[in-house]
Amino acid sequence: MDLFQQYTQFEKQYGEREGIEDSIVSKRRFQYEESLKAAPTNYDTWFDYLRLEESNGNIVAIRELYERAIAQVPPTPEKSMWRRYIYLWVNYALFEELEAEVYKSKKGKRGIAMLNKTNKQDVAKTRQVYQACLKVIPHKQFTFAKIWLLMAQFEVRQKDLAGARQLLGRAIGMCPKDKLFKGYIELELQVL
């Protein structure tokens, strides 16, 4: 820590703006890593750390960090312990669907064929994230209707209405909740 402090101080005095920003980001990374070593299921720290990485824009590092974060499954099957954890999954899925393409497009111009290929990969990756999340949730004790509804909405955006209906039917069959019924009805009303 002392070495980081001296390096940051040196960069502030003699470095350029990018060097200063890099040293500050490195210092924050170190602090987050130390904090997570002490409490790996502190999801607020994971959120802060992910925001830091997302501000840097390194898509590989962001994905690796999301994978590390979602690997920290809550130790008890109490729904209150899982709420923050599930939002890690929600953010990861939204990152894959929305932000991953933004980070890729910042790297330069591409051909239409390449963009179509990456869009298909992003869709597949987003679908994998949602499916993995649904496998982790202990549906016999509790579930999160929000995940089911977000995945169904994702499928509708991908023009897979049959897949969205099937998914919501599976959700209602596994864990009938009012919110799922209302979400299914809203979906059908939107289609009309």
Protein backbone atom coordinates (compact mmCIF):
# COMPACT_ATOMS: atom_id res chain seq x y z
CA MET A 1 0.00 0.00 0.00
CA ASP A 2 2.87 2.34 0.81
CA LEU A 3 4.42 1.63 -2.58
CA PHE A 4 1.12 2.50 -4.31
CA GLN A 5 0.94 5.72 -2.35
CA GLN A 6 4.45 6.74 -3.37
CA TYR A 7 3.79 5.80 -7.00
CA THR A 8 0.59 7.85 -7.05
CA GLN A 9 2.34 10.81 -5.49
CA PHE A 10 5.15 10.58 -8.07
CA GLU A 11 2.64 10.41 -10.94
CA LYS A 12 0.78 13.44 -9.57
CA GLN A 13 3.98 15.48 -9.51
CA TYR A 14 5.68 14.35 -12.71
CA GLY A 15 3.23 12.31 -14.74
CA GLU A 16 0.73 13.03 -17.43
CA ARG A 17 -3.01 12.88 -16.94
CA GLU A 18 -3.31 9.28 -18.17
CA GLY A 19 -0.56 8.14 -15.81
CA ILE A 20 -2.26 9.81 -12.89
CA GLU A 21 -5.61 8.25 -13.75
CA ASP A 22 -4.00 4.82 -14.15
CA SER A 23 -2.30 5.05 -10.78
CA ILE A 24 -5.52 6.09 -9.07
CA VAL A 25 -7.43 3.24 -10.75
CA SER A 26 -4.71 0.79 -9.71
CA LYS A 27 -4.95 2.02 -6.13
CA ARG A 28 -8.75 1.61 -6.13
CA ARG A 29 -8.44 -1.89 -7.63
CA PHE A 30 -6.04 -2.86 -4.88
CA GLN A 31 -8.43 -1.53 -2.22
CA TYR A 32 -11.37 -3.43 -3.72
CA GLU A 33 -9.37 -6.65 -3.96
CA GLU A 34 -8.32 -6.36 -0.32
CA SER A 35 -11.87 -5.65 0.76
CA LEU A 36 -13.18 -8.64 -1.21
CA LYS A 37 -10.56 -10.94 0.30
CA ALA A 38 -11.95 -10.07 3.72
CA ALA A 39 -15.65 -10.30 2.72
CA PRO A 40 -16.19 -12.03 -0.66
CA THR A 41 -19.99 -11.80 -0.41
CA ASN A 42 -20.03 -8.02 0.10
CA TYR A 43 -22.02 -7.31 -3.06
CA ASP A 44 -21.87 -3.53 -2.63
CA THR A 45 -18.09 -3.73 -3.01
CA TRP A 46 -18.55 -5.87 -6.13
CA PHE A 47 -20.90 -3.23 -7.58
CA ASP A 48 -18.37 -0.45 -6.92
CA TYR A 49 -15.52 -2.50 -8.36
CA LEU A 50 -17.56 -3.32 -11.47
CA ARG A 51 -18.40 0.36 -11.98
CA LEU A 52 -14.69 1.17 -11.81
CA GLU A 53 -13.87 -1.46 -14.44
CA GLU A 54 -16.76 -0.38 -16.65
CA SER A 55 -15.46 3.19 -16.59
CA ASN A 56 -12.15 1.88 -17.98
CA GLY A 57 -13.89 0.05 -20.80
CA ASN A 58 -11.80 -3.13 -20.91
CA ILE A 59 -14.50 -5.62 -21.90
CA VAL A 60 -12.42 -8.70 -21.06
CA ALA A 61 -11.63 -7.43 -17.56
CA ILE A 62 -15.28 -6.50 -17.02
CA ARG A 63 -16.50 -9.95 -18.00
CA GLU A 64 -13.91 -11.64 -15.80
CA LEU A 65 -14.92 -9.48 -12.86
CA TYR A 66 -18.63 -10.25 -13.40
CA GLU A 67 -17.78 -13.96 -13.49
CA ARG A 68 -15.85 -13.66 -10.23
CA ALA A 69 -18.70 -11.71 -8.63
CA ILE A 70 -21.45 -14.15 -9.57
CA ALA A 71 -19.34 -17.04 -8.33
CA GLN A 72 -19.87 -15.67 -4.79
CA VAL A 73 -23.21 -17.37 -4.15
CA PRO A 74 -24.88 -16.40 -0.86
CA PRO A 75 -24.15 -19.00 1.82
CA THR A 76 -27.73 -19.32 3.08
CA PRO A 77 -30.96 -20.00 1.19
CA GLU A 78 -32.71 -16.93 2.60
CA LYS A 79 -34.25 -14.64 0.02
CA SER A 80 -33.11 -11.50 1.83
CA MET A 81 -29.47 -12.62 1.41
CA TRP A 82 -29.97 -13.22 -2.32
CA ARG A 83 -31.48 -9.87 -3.33
CA ARG A 84 -28.21 -8.00 -3.88
CA TYR A 85 -26.65 -11.07 -5.47
CA ILE A 86 -29.43 -11.31 -8.05
CA TYR A 87 -28.82 -7.70 -9.07
CA LEU A 88 -25.26 -8.71 -9.99
CA TRP A 89 -26.82 -11.12 -12.48
CA VAL A 90 -29.24 -8.48 -13.73
CA ASN A 91 -26.41 -6.00 -14.29
CA TYR A 92 -24.30 -8.68 -15.99
CA ALA A 93 -27.11 -9.57 -18.40
CA LEU A 94 -27.82 -5.92 -19.17
CA PHE A 95 -24.10 -5.30 -19.67
CA GLU A 96 -23.93 -8.13 -22.18
CA GLU A 97 -27.01 -6.99 -24.03
CA LEU A 98 -26.39 -3.25 -24.10
CA GLU A 99 -22.91 -2.20 -23.11
CA ALA A 100 -20.73 -4.89 -24.67
CA GLU A 101 -21.60 -3.67 -28.16
CA VAL A 102 -20.89 -0.06 -27.15
CA TYR A 103 -17.40 -0.98 -25.92
CA LYS A 104 -16.72 -2.95 -29.09
CA SER A 105 -17.86 -0.13 -31.36
CA LYS A 106 -15.49 2.31 -29.62
CA LYS A 107 -12.53 0.30 -30.89
CA GLY A 108 -12.99 1.43 -34.46
CA LYS A 109 -14.99 0.96 -37.64
CA ARG A 110 -16.11 -2.49 -38.68
CA GLY A 111 -17.83 -4.08 -41.62
CA ILE A 112 -21.53 -4.91 -41.56
CA ALA A 113 -20.80 -8.66 -41.55
CA MET A 114 -18.58 -8.30 -38.48
CA LEU A 115 -21.24 -6.27 -36.64
CA ASN A 116 -23.91 -8.86 -37.41
CA LYS A 117 -21.60 -11.60 -36.13
CA THR A 118 -20.89 -9.77 -32.87
CA ASN A 119 -24.59 -8.99 -32.38
CA LYS A 120 -25.38 -12.72 -32.61
CA GLN A 121 -22.60 -13.46 -30.13
CA ASP A 122 -23.91 -10.79 -27.73
CA VAL A 123 -27.41 -12.25 -27.95
CA ALA A 124 -26.10 -15.75 -27.26
CA LYS A 125 -23.94 -14.52 -24.36
CA THR A 126 -26.86 -12.59 -22.85
CA ARG A 127 -29.09 -15.65 -23.13
CA GLN A 128 -26.39 -17.76 -21.44
CA VAL A 129 -26.18 -15.29 -18.55
CA TYR A 130 -29.92 -15.40 -17.96
CA GLN A 131 -30.02 -19.21 -18.17
CA ALA A 132 -27.10 -19.58 -15.77
CA CYS A 133 -28.83 -17.26 -13.32
CA LEU A 134 -32.01 -19.32 -13.46
CA LYS A 135 -29.98 -22.45 -12.70
CA VAL A 136 -28.42 -20.87 -9.59
CA ILE A 137 -31.63 -19.67 -7.95
CA PRO A 138 -33.09 -22.25 -5.53
CA HIS A 139 -36.62 -22.21 -7.00
CA LYS A 140 -37.98 -24.73 -4.49
CA GLN A 141 -37.46 -22.27 -1.61
CA PHE A 142 -37.98 -18.99 -3.50
CA THR A 143 -37.53 -17.36 -6.87
CA PHE A 144 -37.19 -13.91 -8.35
CA ALA A 145 -39.94 -13.02 -10.79
CA LYS A 146 -37.81 -10.12 -11.98
CA ILE A 147 -35.27 -12.46 -13.62
CA TRP A 148 -37.98 -14.46 -15.40
CA LEU A 149 -39.64 -11.28 -16.66
CA LEU A 150 -36.37 -9.67 -17.77
CA MET A 151 -35.42 -12.77 -19.73
CA ALA A 152 -38.87 -12.92 -21.33
CA GLN A 153 -38.58 -9.25 -22.32
CA PHE A 154 -35.14 -9.98 -23.75
CA GLU A 155 -36.60 -12.81 -25.84
CA VAL A 156 -39.34 -10.48 -27.11
CA ARG A 157 -36.67 -7.92 -28.11
CA GLN A 158 -34.97 -10.74 -30.05
CA LYS A 159 -38.31 -11.37 -31.82
CA ASP A 160 -38.75 -14.78 -30.18
CA LEU A 161 -42.30 -14.48 -28.86
CA ALA A 162 -42.76 -18.25 -28.65
CA GLY A 163 -39.59 -18.53 -26.55
CA ALA A 164 -40.82 -15.77 -24.21
CA ARG A 165 -44.20 -17.48 -23.80
CA GLN A 166 -42.54 -20.83 -23.14
CA LEU A 167 -40.20 -19.26 -20.58
CA LEU A 168 -43.02 -17.55 -18.69
CA GLY A 169 -45.06 -20.75 -18.80
CA ARG A 170 -42.13 -22.61 -17.27
CA ALA A 171 -41.78 -19.89 -14.62
CA ILE A 172 -45.45 -20.08 -13.67
CA GLY A 173 -45.25 -23.86 -13.54
CA MET A 174 -42.21 -23.81 -11.27
CA CYS A 175 -43.18 -20.99 -8.99
CA PRO A 176 -46.59 -19.38 -9.50
CA LYS A 177 -46.40 -15.80 -8.32
CA ASP A 178 -48.77 -12.90 -8.93
CA LYS A 179 -46.00 -10.86 -10.51
CA LEU A 180 -45.34 -13.60 -13.08
CA PHE A 181 -49.01 -13.87 -14.00
CA LYS A 182 -49.27 -10.09 -14.38
CA GLY A 183 -46.08 -10.01 -16.48
CA TYR A 184 -47.41 -12.75 -18.76
CA ILE A 185 -50.72 -10.90 -19.19
CA GLU A 186 -48.87 -7.63 -19.96
CA LEU A 187 -46.79 -9.43 -22.56
CA GLU A 188 -49.90 -10.80 -24.26
CA LEU A 189 -51.55 -7.37 -24.19
CA GLN A 190 -48.47 -5.81 -25.80
CA VAL A 191 -48.58 -8.37 -28.59
CA LEU A 192 -52.19 -7.57 -29.44
